[in-house]
Amino acid sequence: MLFILAFIITCEALGQEPLHTNDILRQAYQQAAREKKNVFVIFHASWCGWCHKMDSAMNEPEMKPLFNKNYVITHLTIKESKDKKHLENPGAEELLARYRGNDQGIPYWLIFDKNGRLLADSQMRPEGAGPAAPGKNTGCPASEEEVAHFVKVLSVTSSLNVEELDAVKKRFLQNQ
């Protein structure tokens, strides 16, 4: 993950176009395969307060090891203001639309296995509804319902134990 972030920052500092979404995902899948993890993709923008809250929560000293032991976390920049369009990852909007998130707001997240198979997304759907059913984006989970969805997703896409999931729940409920 550090390599991916360092590369993106270097490209931005040199004025180069950000990496294409396909390149970012390919690198993330390769890393996930090596490290036996899943890939956690977060769509975000520099202006998005909830995106910053999500990143802050996931990167707190108590939370970061929990997420890092289970996921290769990567960000795709979308929906930037006109003067920051150069920060957007080419192909990210198309990926967001492919997974029915283009009208859901941000942050929006997807979890893939090491082979690129979608395991979960940030949409809460009615009980029993399939992944194609429309849902509500939990974004950066904050309400009881959103956090419950987030914890449920983490429980089936990670090796987090009950105590760790409870710690995640408590932390994200602080976002209210």
C-alpha atoms as a PDB file:
ATOM      1  CA  MET A   1       0.000   0.000   0.000  1.00  0.00           C
ATOM      2  CA  LEU A   2       2.813   2.386   0.840  1.00  0.00           C
ATOM      3  CA  PHE A   3       4.266   1.820  -2.617  1.00  0.00           C
ATOM      4  CA  ILE A   4       0.979   2.710  -4.301  1.00  0.00           C
ATOM      5  CA  LEU A   5       0.527   5.864  -2.200  1.00  0.00           C
ATOM      6  CA  ALA A   6       4.148   6.928  -2.717  1.00  0.00           C
ATOM      7  CA  PHE A   7       3.814   6.442  -6.465  1.00  0.00           C
ATOM      8  CA  ILE A   8       0.602   8.475  -6.632  1.00  0.00           C
ATOM      9  CA  ILE A   9       2.100  11.296  -4.548  1.00  0.00           C
ATOM     10  CA  THR A  10       5.248  11.314  -6.689  1.00  0.00           C
ATOM     11  CA  CYS A  11       3.198  11.509  -9.887  1.00  0.00           C
ATOM     12  CA  GLU A  12       1.147  14.381  -8.501  1.00  0.00           C
ATOM     13  CA  ALA A  13       4.262  16.214  -7.337  1.00  0.00           C
ATOM     14  CA  LEU A  14       5.811  15.857 -10.789  1.00  0.00           C
ATOM     15  CA  GLY A  15       2.633  17.139 -12.400  1.00  0.00           C
ATOM     16  CA  GLN A  16       1.957  13.833 -14.092  1.00  0.00           C
ATOM     17  CA  GLU A  17      -1.498  12.463 -14.586  1.00  0.00           C
ATOM     18  CA  PRO A  18      -2.612  10.152 -11.774  1.00  0.00           C
ATOM     19  CA  LEU A  19      -2.454   6.441 -12.440  1.00  0.00           C
ATOM     20  CA  HIS A  20      -5.255   4.865 -14.390  1.00  0.00           C
ATOM     21  CA  THR A  21      -7.728   2.917 -12.275  1.00  0.00           C
ATOM     22  CA  ASN A  22      -6.806  -0.327 -14.047  1.00  0.00           C
ATOM     23  CA  ASP A  23      -3.138   0.101 -13.079  1.00  0.00           C
ATOM     24  CA  ILE A  24      -4.007   0.868  -9.461  1.00  0.00           C
ATOM     25  CA  LEU A  25      -6.278  -2.153  -9.222  1.00  0.00           C
ATOM     26  CA  ARG A  26      -3.771  -4.451 -10.910  1.00  0.00           C
ATOM     27  CA  GLN A  27      -1.116  -3.449  -8.373  1.00  0.00           C
ATOM     28  CA  ALA A  28      -3.578  -3.829  -5.491  1.00  0.00           C
ATOM     29  CA  TYR A  29      -4.664  -7.316  -6.643  1.00  0.00           C
ATOM     30  CA  GLN A  30      -1.030  -8.400  -6.962  1.00  0.00           C
ATOM     31  CA  GLN A  31      -0.256  -7.137  -3.469  1.00  0.00           C
ATOM     32  CA  ALA A  32      -3.417  -8.764  -2.090  1.00  0.00           C
ATOM     33  CA  ALA A  33      -2.429 -12.100  -3.627  1.00  0.00           C
ATOM     34  CA  ARG A  34       1.077 -11.901  -2.131  1.00  0.00           C
ATOM     35  CA  GLU A  35      -0.217 -10.882   1.303  1.00  0.00           C
ATOM     36  CA  LYS A  36      -3.371 -13.048   1.321  1.00  0.00           C
ATOM     37  CA  LYS A  37      -5.699 -10.057   1.728  1.00  0.00           C
ATOM     38  CA  ASN A  38      -8.714  -8.511   0.051  1.00  0.00           C
ATOM     39  CA  VAL A  39      -8.749  -5.133  -1.691  1.00  0.00           C
ATOM     40  CA  PHE A  40     -10.688  -2.251  -0.119  1.00  0.00           C
ATOM     41  CA  VAL A  41     -11.288   0.500  -2.702  1.00  0.00           C
ATOM     42  CA  ILE A  42     -12.501   3.893  -1.492  1.00  0.00           C
ATOM     43  CA  PHE A  43     -13.827   6.462  -3.968  1.00  0.00           C
ATOM     44  CA  HIS A  44     -13.149   9.932  -2.589  1.00  0.00           C
ATOM     45  CA  ALA A  45     -12.433  13.578  -3.385  1.00  0.00           C
ATOM     46  CA  SER A  46     -10.276  16.239  -1.746  1.00  0.00           C
ATOM     47  CA  TRP A  47     -13.304  18.362  -0.779  1.00  0.00           C
ATOM     48  CA  CYS A  48     -15.278  15.489   0.808  1.00  0.00           C
ATOM     49  CA  GLY A  49     -15.522  15.830   4.592  1.00  0.00           C
ATOM     50  CA  TRP A  50     -16.989  12.354   5.064  1.00  0.00           C
ATOM     51  CA  CYS A  51     -14.160  10.905   2.963  1.00  0.00           C
ATOM     52  CA  HIS A  52     -11.656  12.521   5.340  1.00  0.00           C
ATOM     53  CA  LYS A  53     -13.583  11.159   8.342  1.00  0.00           C
ATOM     54  CA  MET A  54     -13.447   7.652   6.880  1.00  0.00           C
ATOM     55  CA  ASP A  55      -9.706   7.875   6.261  1.00  0.00           C
ATOM     56  CA  SER A  56      -9.072   9.361   9.703  1.00  0.00           C
ATOM     57  CA  ALA A  57     -11.031   6.604  11.438  1.00  0.00           C
ATOM     58  CA  MET A  58      -9.377   3.814   9.457  1.00  0.00           C
ATOM     59  CA  ASN A  59      -5.913   5.268  10.083  1.00  0.00           C
ATOM     60  CA  GLU A  60      -6.181   5.816  13.831  1.00  0.00           C
ATOM     61  CA  PRO A  61      -3.541   3.837  15.748  1.00  0.00           C
ATOM     62  CA  GLU A  62      -6.124   1.361  17.115  1.00  0.00           C
ATOM     63  CA  MET A  63      -7.853   0.849  13.762  1.00  0.00           C
ATOM     64  CA  LYS A  64      -5.054   0.908  11.196  1.00  0.00           C
ATOM     65  CA  PRO A  65      -3.554  -2.497  12.126  1.00  0.00           C
ATOM     66  CA  LEU A  66      -7.008  -4.096  11.959  1.00  0.00           C
ATOM     67  CA  PHE A  67      -7.634  -2.846   8.434  1.00  0.00           C
ATOM     68  CA  ASN A  68      -4.069  -3.334   7.215  1.00  0.00           C
ATOM     69  CA  LYS A  69      -3.889  -6.973   8.309  1.00  0.00           C
ATOM     70  CA  ASN A  70      -6.954  -7.777   6.188  1.00  0.00           C
ATOM     71  CA  TYR A  71      -7.024  -5.370   3.260  1.00  0.00           C
ATOM     72  CA  VAL A  72      -4.925  -3.648   0.664  1.00  0.00           C
ATOM     73  CA  ILE A  73      -6.553  -0.229   0.900  1.00  0.00           C
ATOM     74  CA  THR A  74      -6.517   1.991  -2.141  1.00  0.00           C
ATOM     75  CA  HIS A  75      -8.218   5.250  -3.046  1.00  0.00           C
ATOM     76  CA  LEU A  76      -9.636   6.394  -6.345  1.00  0.00           C
ATOM     77  CA  THR A  77     -10.167  10.114  -6.766  1.00  0.00           C
ATOM     78  CA  ILE A  78     -13.395  11.219  -8.459  1.00  0.00           C
ATOM     79  CA  LYS A  79     -15.830  14.132  -8.573  1.00  0.00           C
ATOM     80  CA  GLU A  80     -13.204  16.815  -7.982  1.00  0.00           C
ATOM     81  CA  SER A  81     -13.946  20.499  -8.396  1.00  0.00           C
ATOM     82  CA  LYS A  82     -13.115  22.074 -11.740  1.00  0.00           C
ATOM     83  CA  ASP A  83      -9.701  23.348 -10.597  1.00  0.00           C
ATOM     84  CA  LYS A  84      -8.693  19.923  -9.253  1.00  0.00           C
ATOM     85  CA  LYS A  85      -9.913  17.665 -12.069  1.00  0.00           C
ATOM     86  CA  HIS A  86      -6.254  16.800 -12.725  1.00  0.00           C
ATOM     87  CA  LEU A  87      -6.282  14.781  -9.459  1.00  0.00           C
ATOM     88  CA  GLU A  88      -8.926  12.332 -10.693  1.00  0.00           C
ATOM     89  CA  ASN A  89      -7.910   8.799 -11.565  1.00  0.00           C
ATOM     90  CA  PRO A  90      -8.811   8.022 -15.170  1.00  0.00           C
ATOM     91  CA  GLY A  91     -11.314   5.180 -15.307  1.00  0.00           C
ATOM     92  CA  ALA A  92     -12.531   5.647 -11.720  1.00  0.00           C
ATOM     93  CA  GLU A  93     -15.922   7.106 -12.671  1.00  0.00           C
ATOM     94  CA  GLU A  94     -16.496   4.186 -15.037  1.00  0.00           C
ATOM     95  CA  LEU A  95     -15.628   1.670 -12.306  1.00  0.00           C
ATOM     96  CA  LEU A  96     -17.975   3.449  -9.898  1.00  0.00           C
ATOM     97  CA  ALA A  97     -20.788   3.267 -12.462  1.00  0.00           C
ATOM     98  CA  ARG A  98     -20.086  -0.415 -13.199  1.00  0.00           C
ATOM     99  CA  TYR A  99     -20.719  -1.190  -9.525  1.00  0.00           C
ATOM    100  CA  ARG A 100     -23.848   0.994  -9.273  1.00  0.00           C
ATOM    101  CA  GLY A 101     -22.272   3.709  -7.167  1.00  0.00           C
ATOM    102  CA  ASN A 102     -22.368   6.633  -9.573  1.00  0.00           C
ATOM    103  CA  ASP A 103     -25.510   8.105  -7.986  1.00  0.00           C
ATOM    104  CA  GLN A 104     -24.715   7.127  -4.391  1.00  0.00           C
ATOM    105  CA  GLY A 105     -22.407   9.914  -3.201  1.00  0.00           C
ATOM    106  CA  ILE A 106     -18.955   9.552  -1.677  1.00  0.00           C
ATOM    107  CA  PRO A 107     -17.176   8.034  -0.004  1.00  0.00           C
ATOM    108  CA  TYR A 108     -18.278   4.881  -1.746  1.00  0.00           C
ATOM    109  CA  TRP A 109     -16.372   1.680  -1.210  1.00  0.00           C
ATOM    110  CA  LEU A 110     -15.979  -1.723  -2.778  1.00  0.00           C
ATOM    111  CA  ILE A 111     -14.252  -4.827  -1.458  1.00  0.00           C
ATOM    112  CA  PHE A 112     -12.738  -7.283  -3.938  1.00  0.00           C
ATOM    113  CA  ASP A 113     -10.889 -10.534  -3.472  1.00  0.00           C
ATOM    114  CA  LYS A 114      -7.341 -10.901  -4.800  1.00  0.00           C
ATOM    115  CA  ASN A 115      -8.733 -11.958  -8.188  1.00  0.00           C
ATOM    116  CA  GLY A 116     -10.936  -8.894  -8.632  1.00  0.00           C
ATOM    117  CA  ARG A 117     -14.219 -10.556  -7.717  1.00  0.00           C
ATOM    118  CA  LEU A 118     -16.550  -8.161  -5.909  1.00  0.00           C
ATOM    119  CA  LEU A 119     -17.234  -9.327  -2.354  1.00  0.00           C
ATOM    120  CA  ALA A 120     -19.152  -6.328  -0.980  1.00  0.00           C
ATOM    121  CA  ASP A 121     -19.989  -2.685  -1.463  1.00  0.00           C
ATOM    122  CA  SER A 122     -21.103   0.182   0.733  1.00  0.00           C
ATOM    123  CA  GLN A 123     -24.801  -0.133  -0.134  1.00  0.00           C
ATOM    124  CA  MET A 124     -27.295  -1.297   2.466  1.00  0.00           C
ATOM    125  CA  ARG A 125     -30.052  -3.302   0.824  1.00  0.00           C
ATOM    126  CA  PRO A 126     -33.264  -4.774   2.186  1.00  0.00           C
ATOM    127  CA  GLU A 127     -32.796  -8.176   3.834  1.00  0.00           C
ATOM    128  CA  GLY A 128     -32.703 -10.897   1.187  1.00  0.00           C
ATOM    129  CA  ALA A 129     -32.124  -8.466  -1.699  1.00  0.00           C
ATOM    130  CA  GLY A 130     -29.332  -9.425  -4.060  1.00  0.00           C
ATOM    131  CA  PRO A 131     -26.341  -7.263  -5.024  1.00  0.00           C
ATOM    132  CA  ALA A 132     -28.163  -5.911  -8.086  1.00  0.00           C
ATOM    133  CA  ALA A 133     -30.962  -4.458  -5.938  1.00  0.00           C
ATOM    134  CA  PRO A 134     -30.748  -0.729  -5.310  1.00  0.00           C
ATOM    135  CA  GLY A 135     -29.537   0.259  -1.876  1.00  0.00           C
ATOM    136  CA  LYS A 136     -28.443   3.191   0.245  1.00  0.00           C
ATOM    137  CA  ASN A 137     -24.769   4.130   0.428  1.00  0.00           C
ATOM    138  CA  THR A 138     -23.360   3.910   3.944  1.00  0.00           C
ATOM    139  CA  GLY A 139     -20.336   5.951   2.866  1.00  0.00           C
ATOM    140  CA  CYS A 140     -18.434   6.665   6.045  1.00  0.00           C
ATOM    141  CA  PRO A 141     -20.709   4.758   8.403  1.00  0.00           C
ATOM    142  CA  ALA A 142     -21.985   6.775  11.350  1.00  0.00           C
ATOM    143  CA  SER A 143     -25.562   5.796  12.232  1.00  0.00           C
ATOM    144  CA  GLU A 144     -26.324   2.559  14.097  1.00  0.00           C
ATOM    145  CA  GLU A 145     -27.730   1.046  10.898  1.00  0.00           C
ATOM    146  CA  GLU A 146     -24.772   2.111   8.729  1.00  0.00           C
ATOM    147  CA  VAL A 147     -22.182   0.907  11.243  1.00  0.00           C
ATOM    148  CA  ALA A 148     -24.013  -2.419  11.624  1.00  0.00           C
ATOM    149  CA  HIS A 149     -23.829  -2.870   7.833  1.00  0.00           C
ATOM    150  CA  PHE A 150     -20.127  -1.963   7.801  1.00  0.00           C
ATOM    151  CA  VAL A 151     -19.310  -4.395  10.616  1.00  0.00           C
ATOM    152  CA  LYS A 152     -21.313  -7.144   8.899  1.00  0.00           C
ATOM    153  CA  VAL A 153     -19.348  -6.592   5.683  1.00  0.00           C
ATOM    154  CA  LEU A 154     -16.055  -6.621   7.582  1.00  0.00           C
ATOM    155  CA  SER A 155     -17.086  -9.827   9.358  1.00  0.00           C
ATOM    156  CA  VAL A 156     -17.444 -11.699   6.060  1.00  0.00           C
ATOM    157  CA  THR A 157     -14.517 -10.125   4.162  1.00  0.00           C
ATOM    158  CA  SER A 158     -11.846 -10.220   6.871  1.00  0.00           C
ATOM    159  CA  SER A 159     -10.437 -12.288   9.696  1.00  0.00           C
ATOM    160  CA  LEU A 160     -11.405  -9.716  12.329  1.00  0.00           C
ATOM    161  CA  ASN A 161     -12.599 -11.372  15.524  1.00  0.00           C
ATOM    162  CA  VAL A 162     -15.577 -10.324  17.654  1.00  0.00           C
ATOM    163  CA  GLU A 163     -13.502  -7.998  19.861  1.00  0.00           C
ATOM    164  CA  GLU A 164     -11.892  -6.321  16.853  1.00  0.00           C
ATOM    165  CA  LEU A 165     -15.231  -5.881  15.113  1.00  0.00           C
ATOM    166  CA  ASP A 166     -16.616  -4.380  18.314  1.00  0.00           C
ATOM    167  CA  ALA A 167     -13.715  -1.901  18.407  1.00  0.00           C
ATOM    168  CA  VAL A 168     -14.471  -0.898  14.798  1.00  0.00           C
ATOM    169  CA  LYS A 169     -18.147  -0.506  15.681  1.00  0.00           C
ATOM    170  CA  LYS A 170     -17.378   1.725  18.661  1.00  0.00           C
ATOM    171  CA  ARG A 171     -14.980   3.875  16.653  1.00  0.00           C
ATOM    172  CA  PHE A 172     -17.324   4.440  13.723  1.00  0.00           C
ATOM    173  CA  LEU A 173     -20.275   5.248  15.988  1.00  0.00           C
ATOM    174  CA  GLN A 174     -18.193   8.238  17.112  1.00  0.00           C
ATOM    175  CA  ASN A 175     -18.764   9.719  13.622  1.00  0.00           C
ATOM    176  CA  GLN A 176     -22.379  10.609  14.521  1.00  0.00           C
END
